[in-house]
Amino acid sequence: MSDMSGNAAHRGEDRIRHSAVSDRDGSTRDDRLYELAARITERDRAICRLLFEHRVLTTFQIAEVGFNSLRKAQERLSLLYALEVVDRFRRRSWSGTGPFHFTLGRAGATVVAAERGIPISELGWQRATTTALATSGQLAHLVGCNGVFTSLIAAARNLPDASLDEWWSARRCAAAWGDAVRPDGYGVYVEGDVRLPFLLEYDTGSETLSRLEAKLLGYAALARAVEHPTWVCFCFLTPAREASARSVLIHPEVPVATAVVGLDAGPSGPVWLAIGDVAPRLRLIDLGHPGRALGQHARSRN
């Protein structure tokens, strides 16, 4: 994925050094910024960009994106936390303490702002906003959605000629398409010469089936506006919820595929079933052209 490439390598280093001199708040802060400029790596910068765009990632998700082991990720993230590049929190659950969740820290926001050539005040980052995620009711949904994309990146890292070329957050989708549709993300997954763009809907079971069905009207409008269909991929947490939803996720202009995803069933694997298909379940990249699903809708009406 482009966020882990070298495209932005070292571009912001001089700006980080400059910010330490021109935005002086005290010797301790300046010393930290000088240390940051000397110690931060391109992978660290990529983590900063991901956290700015996607708001929160767990240790495991960050390991999927850019490390060869969970232990290496834990060690590096501990250092980045000490440098205030990232913030972190844990939630308690009935089963005990959950994993660390990481958000962008002030020093990390400085990195992102420096790469963009703007003051941190113009970045739109506020620590209060990121720390509010710790108690947000949307945290599980956001982490689950991000986990779909980090899992795709992890799968691509283990395959030749594979990559996740695009990963848009819900905020970026909203900026692009306004109120027409509000997907949880947009991606382009690539293996070899095959590119598969898709819109993601990550379902936690909190919405009614009628609400899921109504979303297809917006996706149909989007398909007409851009003059081509795009797969809308619904991820569910249980087979029962998926089965119920498939009965309403039918629209002649919207190609829909569904899957139940989890630790043992990653989104890159053979878990996807297009509406209109009975079997077998397919890998994401093997869903094919979305027009085939629309053809099935047409044949089913005849």
C-alpha atoms as a PDB file:
ATOM      1  CA  MET A   1       0.000   0.000   0.000  1.00  0.00           C
ATOM      2  CA  SER A   2       1.203   3.502  -0.816  1.00  0.00           C
ATOM      3  CA  ASP A   3       1.206   4.601   2.835  1.00  0.00           C
ATOM      4  CA  MET A   4       4.017   2.126   3.525  1.00  0.00           C
ATOM      5  CA  SER A   5       6.020   3.055   0.417  1.00  0.00           C
ATOM      6  CA  GLY A   6       8.974   5.429   0.319  1.00  0.00           C
ATOM      7  CA  ASN A   7       7.161   8.231  -1.504  1.00  0.00           C
ATOM      8  CA  ALA A   8       7.275  10.569   1.473  1.00  0.00           C
ATOM      9  CA  ALA A   9      10.609   9.412   2.862  1.00  0.00           C
ATOM     10  CA  HIS A  10      12.528  12.142   4.622  1.00  0.00           C
ATOM     11  CA  ARG A  11      10.390  14.846   2.967  1.00  0.00           C
ATOM     12  CA  GLY A  12       9.283  16.281   6.302  1.00  0.00           C
ATOM     13  CA  GLU A  13      12.519  15.866   8.264  1.00  0.00           C
ATOM     14  CA  ASP A  14      13.832  19.366   7.637  1.00  0.00           C
ATOM     15  CA  ARG A  15      10.409  20.834   8.422  1.00  0.00           C
ATOM     16  CA  ILE A  16      10.326  18.936  11.721  1.00  0.00           C
ATOM     17  CA  ARG A  17      13.702  20.425  12.622  1.00  0.00           C
ATOM     18  CA  HIS A  18      12.469  23.870  11.599  1.00  0.00           C
ATOM     19  CA  SER A  19       9.325  23.583  13.712  1.00  0.00           C
ATOM     20  CA  ALA A  20      11.448  22.859  16.741  1.00  0.00           C
ATOM     21  CA  VAL A  21      13.171  26.234  16.315  1.00  0.00           C
ATOM     22  CA  SER A  22      10.391  28.480  15.055  1.00  0.00           C
ATOM     23  CA  ASP A  23       7.618  27.150  17.337  1.00  0.00           C
ATOM     24  CA  ARG A  24       9.599  27.148  20.569  1.00  0.00           C
ATOM     25  CA  ASP A  25       7.535  26.365  23.666  1.00  0.00           C
ATOM     26  CA  GLY A  26      10.440  25.419  25.915  1.00  0.00           C
ATOM     27  CA  SER A  27      13.654  23.446  25.892  1.00  0.00           C
ATOM     28  CA  THR A  28      12.032  20.088  26.656  1.00  0.00           C
ATOM     29  CA  ARG A  29       9.668  20.329  23.703  1.00  0.00           C
ATOM     30  CA  ASP A  30      12.438  21.483  21.375  1.00  0.00           C
ATOM     31  CA  ASP A  31      14.705  18.653  22.468  1.00  0.00           C
ATOM     32  CA  ARG A  32      11.957  16.138  21.785  1.00  0.00           C
ATOM     33  CA  LEU A  33      11.433  17.468  18.278  1.00  0.00           C
ATOM     34  CA  TYR A  34      15.139  17.331  17.489  1.00  0.00           C
ATOM     35  CA  GLU A  35      15.237  13.763  18.798  1.00  0.00           C
ATOM     36  CA  LEU A  36      12.205  12.894  16.700  1.00  0.00           C
ATOM     37  CA  ALA A  37      13.785  14.188  13.492  1.00  0.00           C
ATOM     38  CA  ALA A  38      16.848  12.057  14.152  1.00  0.00           C
ATOM     39  CA  ARG A  39      15.071   8.831  15.119  1.00  0.00           C
ATOM     40  CA  ILE A  40      11.892   8.584  13.071  1.00  0.00           C
ATOM     41  CA  THR A  41      11.852   6.166  10.142  1.00  0.00           C
ATOM     42  CA  GLU A  42       9.771   6.054   6.973  1.00  0.00           C
ATOM     43  CA  ARG A  43       7.704   3.258   8.500  1.00  0.00           C
ATOM     44  CA  ASP A  44       7.054   5.499  11.512  1.00  0.00           C
ATOM     45  CA  ARG A  45       5.906   8.264   9.180  1.00  0.00           C
ATOM     46  CA  ALA A  46       3.599   5.824   7.418  1.00  0.00           C
ATOM     47  CA  ILE A  47       2.081   4.841  10.770  1.00  0.00           C
ATOM     48  CA  CYS A  48       1.496   8.544  11.486  1.00  0.00           C
ATOM     49  CA  ARG A  49      -0.256   9.014   8.151  1.00  0.00           C
ATOM     50  CA  LEU A  50      -2.452   5.964   8.737  1.00  0.00           C
ATOM     51  CA  LEU A  51      -3.441   7.077  12.228  1.00  0.00           C
ATOM     52  CA  PHE A  52      -4.251  10.571  10.990  1.00  0.00           C
ATOM     53  CA  GLU A  53      -6.440   9.226   8.188  1.00  0.00           C
ATOM     54  CA  HIS A  54      -8.031   6.244   9.953  1.00  0.00           C
ATOM     55  CA  ARG A  55      -8.013   7.540  13.550  1.00  0.00           C
ATOM     56  CA  VAL A  56      -7.307   4.360  15.537  1.00  0.00           C
ATOM     57  CA  LEU A  57      -5.516   1.042  15.015  1.00  0.00           C
ATOM     58  CA  THR A  58      -4.709  -1.796  17.396  1.00  0.00           C
ATOM     59  CA  THR A  59      -1.231  -3.221  17.934  1.00  0.00           C
ATOM     60  CA  PHE A  60      -2.168  -6.263  15.851  1.00  0.00           C
ATOM     61  CA  GLN A  61      -3.458  -4.113  12.971  1.00  0.00           C
ATOM     62  CA  ILE A  62      -0.287  -2.022  12.883  1.00  0.00           C
ATOM     63  CA  ALA A  63       1.751  -5.236  12.905  1.00  0.00           C
ATOM     64  CA  GLU A  64      -0.267  -6.491   9.930  1.00  0.00           C
ATOM     65  CA  VAL A  65       0.516  -3.349   7.975  1.00  0.00           C
ATOM     66  CA  GLY A  66       4.236  -2.958   8.471  1.00  0.00           C
ATOM     67  CA  PHE A  67       5.969  -5.520  10.705  1.00  0.00           C
ATOM     68  CA  ASN A  68       7.090  -9.120  10.432  1.00  0.00           C
ATOM     69  CA  SER A  69       6.120  -9.983  13.998  1.00  0.00           C
ATOM     70  CA  LEU A  70       3.822  -8.749  16.731  1.00  0.00           C
ATOM     71  CA  ARG A  71       6.762  -8.422  19.119  1.00  0.00           C
ATOM     72  CA  LYS A  72       8.622  -6.088  16.764  1.00  0.00           C
ATOM     73  CA  ALA A  73       5.498  -3.950  16.428  1.00  0.00           C
ATOM     74  CA  GLN A  74       5.078  -3.801  20.204  1.00  0.00           C
ATOM     75  CA  GLU A  75       8.680  -2.727  20.707  1.00  0.00           C
ATOM     76  CA  ARG A  76       8.533   0.033  18.098  1.00  0.00           C
ATOM     77  CA  LEU A  77       5.169   1.311  19.264  1.00  0.00           C
ATOM     78  CA  SER A  78       6.468   1.521  22.833  1.00  0.00           C
ATOM     79  CA  LEU A  79       9.259   3.776  21.601  1.00  0.00           C
ATOM     80  CA  LEU A  80       6.865   5.887  19.531  1.00  0.00           C
ATOM     81  CA  TYR A  81       4.657   6.259  22.588  1.00  0.00           C
ATOM     82  CA  ALA A  82       7.640   7.423  24.646  1.00  0.00           C
ATOM     83  CA  LEU A  83       8.398   9.986  21.923  1.00  0.00           C
ATOM     84  CA  GLU A  84       4.720  11.112  21.948  1.00  0.00           C
ATOM     85  CA  VAL A  85       4.381  10.147  18.289  1.00  0.00           C
ATOM     86  CA  VAL A  86       1.385   8.001  19.240  1.00  0.00           C
ATOM     87  CA  ASP A  87      -1.058   7.903  22.120  1.00  0.00           C
ATOM     88  CA  ARG A  88      -2.559   4.670  23.377  1.00  0.00           C
ATOM     89  CA  PHE A  89      -5.371   3.326  25.527  1.00  0.00           C
ATOM     90  CA  ARG A  90      -6.927   0.049  26.543  1.00  0.00           C
ATOM     91  CA  ARG A  91     -10.529  -0.844  27.167  1.00  0.00           C
ATOM     92  CA  ARG A  92     -11.639  -3.313  29.782  1.00  0.00           C
ATOM     93  CA  SER A  93     -14.177  -5.969  28.864  1.00  0.00           C
ATOM     94  CA  TRP A  94     -15.876  -8.883  30.592  1.00  0.00           C
ATOM     95  CA  SER A  95     -12.979 -11.097  29.505  1.00  0.00           C
ATOM     96  CA  GLY A  96     -10.286  -8.784  30.874  1.00  0.00           C
ATOM     97  CA  THR A  97      -8.123  -6.007  29.480  1.00  0.00           C
ATOM     98  CA  GLY A  98      -8.290  -5.519  25.739  1.00  0.00           C
ATOM     99  CA  PRO A  99      -5.439  -4.754  23.329  1.00  0.00           C
ATOM    100  CA  PHE A 100      -3.745  -1.412  23.069  1.00  0.00           C
ATOM    101  CA  HIS A 101      -5.457   0.994  20.688  1.00  0.00           C
ATOM    102  CA  PHE A 102      -3.218   3.631  19.138  1.00  0.00           C
ATOM    103  CA  THR A 103      -4.110   7.148  18.027  1.00  0.00           C
ATOM    104  CA  LEU A 104      -1.948   9.958  16.678  1.00  0.00           C
ATOM    105  CA  GLY A 105       0.037  11.852  19.312  1.00  0.00           C
ATOM    106  CA  ARG A 106       1.130  15.463  19.161  1.00  0.00           C
ATOM    107  CA  ALA A 107       4.610  14.653  17.852  1.00  0.00           C
ATOM    108  CA  GLY A 108       3.032  12.396  15.225  1.00  0.00           C
ATOM    109  CA  ALA A 109       0.734  15.218  14.179  1.00  0.00           C
ATOM    110  CA  THR A 110       3.854  17.374  13.799  1.00  0.00           C
ATOM    111  CA  VAL A 111       5.246  14.755  11.410  1.00  0.00           C
ATOM    112  CA  VAL A 112       2.101  14.757   9.268  1.00  0.00           C
ATOM    113  CA  ALA A 113       1.912  18.552   9.250  1.00  0.00           C
ATOM    114  CA  ALA A 114       5.586  18.810   8.290  1.00  0.00           C
ATOM    115  CA  GLU A 115       5.116  16.445   5.359  1.00  0.00           C
ATOM    116  CA  ARG A 116       2.250  18.612   4.149  1.00  0.00           C
ATOM    117  CA  GLY A 117       4.193  21.825   4.677  1.00  0.00           C
ATOM    118  CA  ILE A 118       1.646  23.342   7.048  1.00  0.00           C
ATOM    119  CA  PRO A 119       1.617  24.338  10.729  1.00  0.00           C
ATOM    120  CA  ILE A 120       0.089  21.771  13.069  1.00  0.00           C
ATOM    121  CA  SER A 121      -2.666  24.298  13.821  1.00  0.00           C
ATOM    122  CA  GLU A 122      -3.899  23.908  10.216  1.00  0.00           C
ATOM    123  CA  LEU A 123      -3.862  20.108  10.240  1.00  0.00           C
ATOM    124  CA  GLY A 124      -7.188  19.718  12.006  1.00  0.00           C
ATOM    125  CA  TRP A 125      -5.691  17.454  14.682  1.00  0.00           C
ATOM    126  CA  GLN A 126      -6.836  17.808  18.277  1.00  0.00           C
ATOM    127  CA  ARG A 127      -5.764  15.490  21.051  1.00  0.00           C
ATOM    128  CA  ALA A 128      -9.164  15.776  22.725  1.00  0.00           C
ATOM    129  CA  THR A 129     -10.807  14.385  19.598  1.00  0.00           C
ATOM    130  CA  THR A 130      -8.514  11.382  19.369  1.00  0.00           C
ATOM    131  CA  THR A 131      -8.659  10.584  23.087  1.00  0.00           C
ATOM    132  CA  ALA A 132     -12.462  10.732  22.959  1.00  0.00           C
ATOM    133  CA  LEU A 133     -12.327   7.523  20.931  1.00  0.00           C
ATOM    134  CA  ALA A 134     -11.466   5.649  24.129  1.00  0.00           C
ATOM    135  CA  THR A 135     -15.043   6.056  25.354  1.00  0.00           C
ATOM    136  CA  SER A 136     -16.802   6.284  21.999  1.00  0.00           C
ATOM    137  CA  GLY A 137     -19.635   3.894  21.242  1.00  0.00           C
ATOM    138  CA  GLN A 138     -18.339   3.750  17.656  1.00  0.00           C
ATOM    139  CA  LEU A 139     -14.920   2.404  18.599  1.00  0.00           C
ATOM    140  CA  ALA A 140     -15.686  -1.269  17.921  1.00  0.00           C
ATOM    141  CA  HIS A 141     -17.188  -0.418  14.542  1.00  0.00           C
ATOM    142  CA  LEU A 142     -14.237   1.747  13.535  1.00  0.00           C
ATOM    143  CA  VAL A 143     -11.660  -0.816  14.674  1.00  0.00           C
ATOM    144  CA  GLY A 144     -13.536  -3.614  12.920  1.00  0.00           C
ATOM    145  CA  CYS A 145     -13.761  -1.673   9.695  1.00  0.00           C
ATOM    146  CA  ASN A 146     -10.064  -0.766   9.787  1.00  0.00           C
ATOM    147  CA  GLY A 147      -9.284  -4.409  10.488  1.00  0.00           C
ATOM    148  CA  VAL A 148     -10.763  -5.436   7.148  1.00  0.00           C
ATOM    149  CA  PHE A 149      -8.278  -3.229   5.340  1.00  0.00           C
ATOM    150  CA  THR A 150      -5.250  -4.107   7.483  1.00  0.00           C
ATOM    151  CA  SER A 151      -6.026  -7.783   6.930  1.00  0.00           C
ATOM    152  CA  LEU A 152      -6.016  -7.193   3.164  1.00  0.00           C
ATOM    153  CA  ILE A 153      -2.639  -5.465   3.454  1.00  0.00           C
ATOM    154  CA  ALA A 154      -1.277  -8.383   5.488  1.00  0.00           C
ATOM    155  CA  ALA A 155      -2.501 -10.871   2.871  1.00  0.00           C
ATOM    156  CA  ALA A 156      -0.983  -8.825   0.049  1.00  0.00           C
ATOM    157  CA  ARG A 157       2.388  -8.701   1.815  1.00  0.00           C
ATOM    158  CA  ASN A 158       2.547 -12.499   1.552  1.00  0.00           C
ATOM    159  CA  LEU A 159       1.635 -12.698  -2.127  1.00  0.00           C
ATOM    160  CA  PRO A 160       3.657 -11.753  -5.213  1.00  0.00           C
ATOM    161  CA  ASP A 161       2.330  -8.763  -7.171  1.00  0.00           C
ATOM    162  CA  ALA A 162      -0.436  -8.049  -4.644  1.00  0.00           C
ATOM    163  CA  SER A 163      -1.277  -4.782  -2.894  1.00  0.00           C
ATOM    164  CA  LEU A 164      -4.023  -2.657  -1.440  1.00  0.00           C
ATOM    165  CA  ASP A 165      -3.620   0.332  -3.748  1.00  0.00           C
ATOM    166  CA  GLU A 166      -6.315   2.481  -2.145  1.00  0.00           C
ATOM    167  CA  TRP A 167      -7.748   2.689   1.355  1.00  0.00           C
ATOM    168  CA  TRP A 168     -10.180   5.517   1.939  1.00  0.00           C
ATOM    169  CA  SER A 169     -11.670   6.245   5.334  1.00  0.00           C
ATOM    170  CA  ALA A 170     -15.337   7.007   5.877  1.00  0.00           C
ATOM    171  CA  ARG A 171     -14.389  10.681   6.214  1.00  0.00           C
ATOM    172  CA  ARG A 172     -12.660  10.701   2.833  1.00  0.00           C
ATOM    173  CA  CYS A 173     -15.616   8.920   1.236  1.00  0.00           C
ATOM    174  CA  ALA A 174     -17.964  11.534   2.706  1.00  0.00           C
ATOM    175  CA  ALA A 175     -15.782  14.325   1.322  1.00  0.00           C
ATOM    176  CA  ALA A 176     -15.864  12.725  -2.131  1.00  0.00           C
ATOM    177  CA  TRP A 177     -19.518  11.712  -2.332  1.00  0.00           C
ATOM    178  CA  GLY A 178     -21.328  13.820   0.238  1.00  0.00           C
ATOM    179  CA  ASP A 179     -24.652  12.550   1.497  1.00  0.00           C
ATOM    180  CA  ALA A 180     -25.311  10.353  -1.538  1.00  0.00           C
ATOM    181  CA  VAL A 181     -23.644   7.347   0.116  1.00  0.00           C
ATOM    182  CA  ARG A 182     -21.806   6.881   3.377  1.00  0.00           C
ATOM    183  CA  PRO A 183     -19.694   3.718   3.062  1.00  0.00           C
ATOM    184  CA  ASP A 184     -17.361   2.749   5.872  1.00  0.00           C
ATOM    185  CA  GLY A 185     -14.482   2.717   3.421  1.00  0.00           C
ATOM    186  CA  TYR A 186     -13.351   2.332  -0.152  1.00  0.00           C
ATOM    187  CA  GLY A 187     -10.506   0.180  -1.385  1.00  0.00           C
ATOM    188  CA  VAL A 188      -8.783  -1.126  -4.477  1.00  0.00           C
ATOM    189  CA  TYR A 189      -7.280  -4.572  -4.012  1.00  0.00           C
ATOM    190  CA  VAL A 190      -4.795  -5.808  -6.618  1.00  0.00           C
ATOM    191  CA  GLU A 191      -3.344  -9.190  -7.493  1.00  0.00           C
ATOM    192  CA  GLY A 192      -1.281  -9.381 -10.657  1.00  0.00           C
ATOM    193  CA  ASP A 193      -3.166  -7.696 -13.486  1.00  0.00           C
ATOM    194  CA  VAL A 194      -6.524  -7.798 -11.675  1.00  0.00           C
ATOM    195  CA  ARG A 195      -7.783  -4.718  -9.841  1.00  0.00           C
ATOM    196  CA  LEU A 196     -10.923  -4.910  -7.742  1.00  0.00           C
ATOM    197  CA  PRO A 197     -12.399  -1.629  -6.461  1.00  0.00           C
ATOM    198  CA  PHE A 198     -14.953  -2.044  -3.684  1.00  0.00           C
ATOM    199  CA  LEU A 199     -17.034  -0.055  -1.215  1.00  0.00           C
ATOM    200  CA  LEU A 200     -17.154  -1.463   2.306  1.00  0.00           C
ATOM    201  CA  GLU A 201     -20.109  -1.708   4.643  1.00  0.00           C
ATOM    202  CA  TYR A 202     -19.076  -3.115   8.022  1.00  0.00           C
ATOM    203  CA  ASP A 203     -22.157  -4.325   9.880  1.00  0.00           C
ATOM    204  CA  THR A 204     -22.227  -4.890  13.625  1.00  0.00           C
ATOM    205  CA  GLY A 205     -25.923  -5.747  13.727  1.00  0.00           C
ATOM    206  CA  SER A 206     -27.037  -2.393  15.127  1.00  0.00           C
ATOM    207  CA  GLU A 207     -29.025  -1.303  12.055  1.00  0.00           C
ATOM    208  CA  THR A 208     -32.375  -2.659  10.940  1.00  0.00           C
ATOM    209  CA  LEU A 209     -32.651  -4.681   7.761  1.00  0.00           C
ATOM    210  CA  SER A 210     -34.772  -1.927   6.239  1.00  0.00           C
ATOM    211  CA  ARG A 211     -31.923   0.510   6.874  1.00  0.00           C
ATOM    212  CA  LEU A 212     -29.482  -1.810   5.096  1.00  0.00           C
ATOM    213  CA  GLU A 213     -31.870  -2.122   2.166  1.00  0.00           C
ATOM    214  CA  ALA A 214     -32.283   1.667   1.941  1.00  0.00           C
ATOM    215  CA  LYS A 215     -28.527   2.123   1.548  1.00  0.00           C
ATOM    216  CA  LEU A 216     -28.707   0.497  -1.875  1.00  0.00           C
ATOM    217  CA  LEU A 217     -30.667   3.453  -3.230  1.00  0.00           C
ATOM    218  CA  GLY A 218     -27.679   5.690  -2.608  1.00  0.00           C
ATOM    219  CA  TYR A 219     -25.275   3.220  -4.169  1.00  0.00           C
ATOM    220  CA  ALA A 220     -27.503   2.996  -7.236  1.00  0.00           C
ATOM    221  CA  ALA A 221     -27.441   6.786  -7.545  1.00  0.00           C
ATOM    222  CA  LEU A 222     -23.653   6.767  -7.247  1.00  0.00           C
ATOM    223  CA  ALA A 223     -23.336   4.091  -9.942  1.00  0.00           C
ATOM    224  CA  ARG A 224     -25.446   6.199 -12.289  1.00  0.00           C
ATOM    225  CA  ALA A 225     -23.430   9.339 -11.498  1.00  0.00           C
ATOM    226  CA  VAL A 226     -20.032   7.746 -12.185  1.00  0.00           C
ATOM    227  CA  GLU A 227     -21.447   5.638 -15.041  1.00  0.00           C
ATOM    228  CA  HIS A 228     -20.105   2.321 -13.808  1.00  0.00           C
ATOM    229  CA  PRO A 229     -20.992  -0.097 -10.991  1.00  0.00           C
ATOM    230  CA  THR A 230     -18.679  -0.912  -8.085  1.00  0.00           C
ATOM    231  CA  TRP A 231     -18.897  -3.887  -5.783  1.00  0.00           C
ATOM    232  CA  VAL A 232     -20.514  -3.053  -2.448  1.00  0.00           C
ATOM    233  CA  CYS A 233     -19.090  -5.517   0.058  1.00  0.00           C
ATOM    234  CA  PHE A 234     -21.024  -6.108   3.278  1.00  0.00           C
ATOM    235  CA  CYS A 235     -19.083  -7.674   6.165  1.00  0.00           C
ATOM    236  CA  PHE A 236     -21.056  -9.374   8.942  1.00  0.00           C
ATOM    237  CA  LEU A 237     -20.089 -10.828  12.296  1.00  0.00           C
ATOM    238  CA  THR A 238     -22.378 -13.885  12.290  1.00  0.00           C
ATOM    239  CA  PRO A 239     -23.809 -16.231   9.629  1.00  0.00           C
ATOM    240  CA  ALA A 240     -27.343 -15.614  10.923  1.00  0.00           C
ATOM    241  CA  ARG A 241     -27.072 -11.855  10.411  1.00  0.00           C
ATOM    242  CA  GLU A 242     -25.611 -12.378   6.947  1.00  0.00           C
ATOM    243  CA  ALA A 243     -28.424 -14.737   5.945  1.00  0.00           C
ATOM    244  CA  SER A 244     -31.086 -12.269   7.085  1.00  0.00           C
ATOM    245  CA  ALA A 245     -29.410  -9.340   5.334  1.00  0.00           C
ATOM    246  CA  ARG A 246     -28.986 -11.166   2.022  1.00  0.00           C
ATOM    247  CA  SER A 247     -32.766 -11.339   1.694  1.00  0.00           C
ATOM    248  CA  VAL A 248     -32.967  -7.523   1.402  1.00  0.00           C
ATOM    249  CA  LEU A 249     -29.645  -6.589  -0.221  1.00  0.00           C
ATOM    250  CA  ILE A 250     -31.034  -6.842  -3.727  1.00  0.00           C
ATOM    251  CA  HIS A 251     -31.031  -4.011  -6.273  1.00  0.00           C
ATOM    252  CA  PRO A 252     -30.838  -4.256 -10.091  1.00  0.00           C
ATOM    253  CA  GLU A 253     -28.176  -1.516 -10.279  1.00  0.00           C
ATOM    254  CA  VAL A 254     -25.999  -2.453  -7.298  1.00  0.00           C
ATOM    255  CA  PRO A 255     -23.618  -5.442  -7.273  1.00  0.00           C
ATOM    256  CA  VAL A 256     -23.468  -6.709  -3.674  1.00  0.00           C
ATOM    257  CA  ALA A 257     -21.285  -9.390  -2.109  1.00  0.00           C
ATOM    258  CA  THR A 258     -21.447 -10.495   1.517  1.00  0.00           C
ATOM    259  CA  ALA A 259     -19.102 -12.279   3.908  1.00  0.00           C
ATOM    260  CA  VAL A 260     -18.708 -13.240   7.542  1.00  0.00           C
ATOM    261  CA  VAL A 261     -15.232 -12.138   8.585  1.00  0.00           C
ATOM    262  CA  GLY A 262     -13.232 -12.985  11.666  1.00  0.00           C
ATOM    263  CA  LEU A 263      -9.892 -14.234  12.909  1.00  0.00           C
ATOM    264  CA  ASP A 264     -10.260 -17.507  11.024  1.00  0.00           C
ATOM    265  CA  ALA A 265     -11.844 -16.018   7.896  1.00  0.00           C
ATOM    266  CA  GLY A 266      -9.955 -13.034   6.518  1.00  0.00           C
ATOM    267  CA  PRO A 267     -11.501 -10.773   3.862  1.00  0.00           C
ATOM    268  CA  SER A 268      -8.968 -11.739   1.189  1.00  0.00           C
ATOM    269  CA  GLY A 269      -9.947 -15.411   1.359  1.00  0.00           C
ATOM    270  CA  PRO A 270     -12.846 -17.463  -0.059  1.00  0.00           C
ATOM    271  CA  VAL A 271     -15.541 -15.878   2.109  1.00  0.00           C
ATOM    272  CA  TRP A 272     -17.444 -13.742  -0.415  1.00  0.00           C
ATOM    273  CA  LEU A 273     -20.775 -14.645  -1.956  1.00  0.00           C
ATOM    274  CA  ALA A 274     -22.372 -12.319  -4.471  1.00  0.00           C
ATOM    275  CA  ILE A 275     -26.105 -11.704  -4.270  1.00  0.00           C
ATOM    276  CA  GLY A 276     -27.556 -14.055  -6.840  1.00  0.00           C
ATOM    277  CA  ASP A 277     -24.848 -16.679  -6.324  1.00  0.00           C
ATOM    278  CA  VAL A 278     -25.467 -19.857  -4.360  1.00  0.00           C
ATOM    279  CA  ALA A 279     -21.952 -21.291  -4.207  1.00  0.00           C
ATOM    280  CA  PRO A 280     -19.027 -21.431  -4.014  1.00  0.00           C
ATOM    281  CA  ARG A 281     -17.742 -18.566  -1.931  1.00  0.00           C
ATOM    282  CA  LEU A 282     -14.947 -16.684  -3.645  1.00  0.00           C
ATOM    283  CA  ARG A 283     -11.809 -14.795  -2.768  1.00  0.00           C
ATOM    284  CA  LEU A 284     -12.266 -11.033  -2.953  1.00  0.00           C
ATOM    285  CA  ILE A 285     -10.102 -10.711  -6.067  1.00  0.00           C
ATOM    286  CA  ASP A 286     -12.121 -13.471  -7.765  1.00  0.00           C
ATOM    287  CA  LEU A 287     -15.484 -11.700  -7.517  1.00  0.00           C
ATOM    288  CA  GLY A 288     -14.909 -10.566 -11.089  1.00  0.00           C
ATOM    289  CA  HIS A 289     -16.487  -7.677 -12.938  1.00  0.00           C
ATOM    290  CA  PRO A 290     -19.442  -6.222 -11.004  1.00  0.00           C
ATOM    291  CA  GLY A 291     -21.510  -6.336 -14.164  1.00  0.00           C
ATOM    292  CA  ARG A 292     -21.862 -10.089 -13.800  1.00  0.00           C
ATOM    293  CA  ALA A 293     -23.936  -9.621 -10.648  1.00  0.00           C
ATOM    294  CA  LEU A 294     -26.193  -7.158 -12.438  1.00  0.00           C
ATOM    295  CA  GLY A 295     -26.636  -9.713 -15.212  1.00  0.00           C
ATOM    296  CA  GLN A 296     -27.767 -12.251 -12.640  1.00  0.00           C
ATOM    297  CA  HIS A 297     -30.363  -9.777 -11.347  1.00  0.00           C
ATOM    298  CA  ALA A 298     -31.681  -9.340 -14.886  1.00  0.00           C
ATOM    299  CA  ARG A 299     -31.859 -13.091 -15.527  1.00  0.00           C
ATOM    300  CA  SER A 300     -33.641 -13.715 -12.228  1.00  0.00           C
ATOM    301  CA  ARG A 301     -36.399 -11.311 -13.250  1.00  0.00           C
ATOM    302  CA  ASN A 302     -36.998 -13.071 -16.572  1.00  0.00           C
END
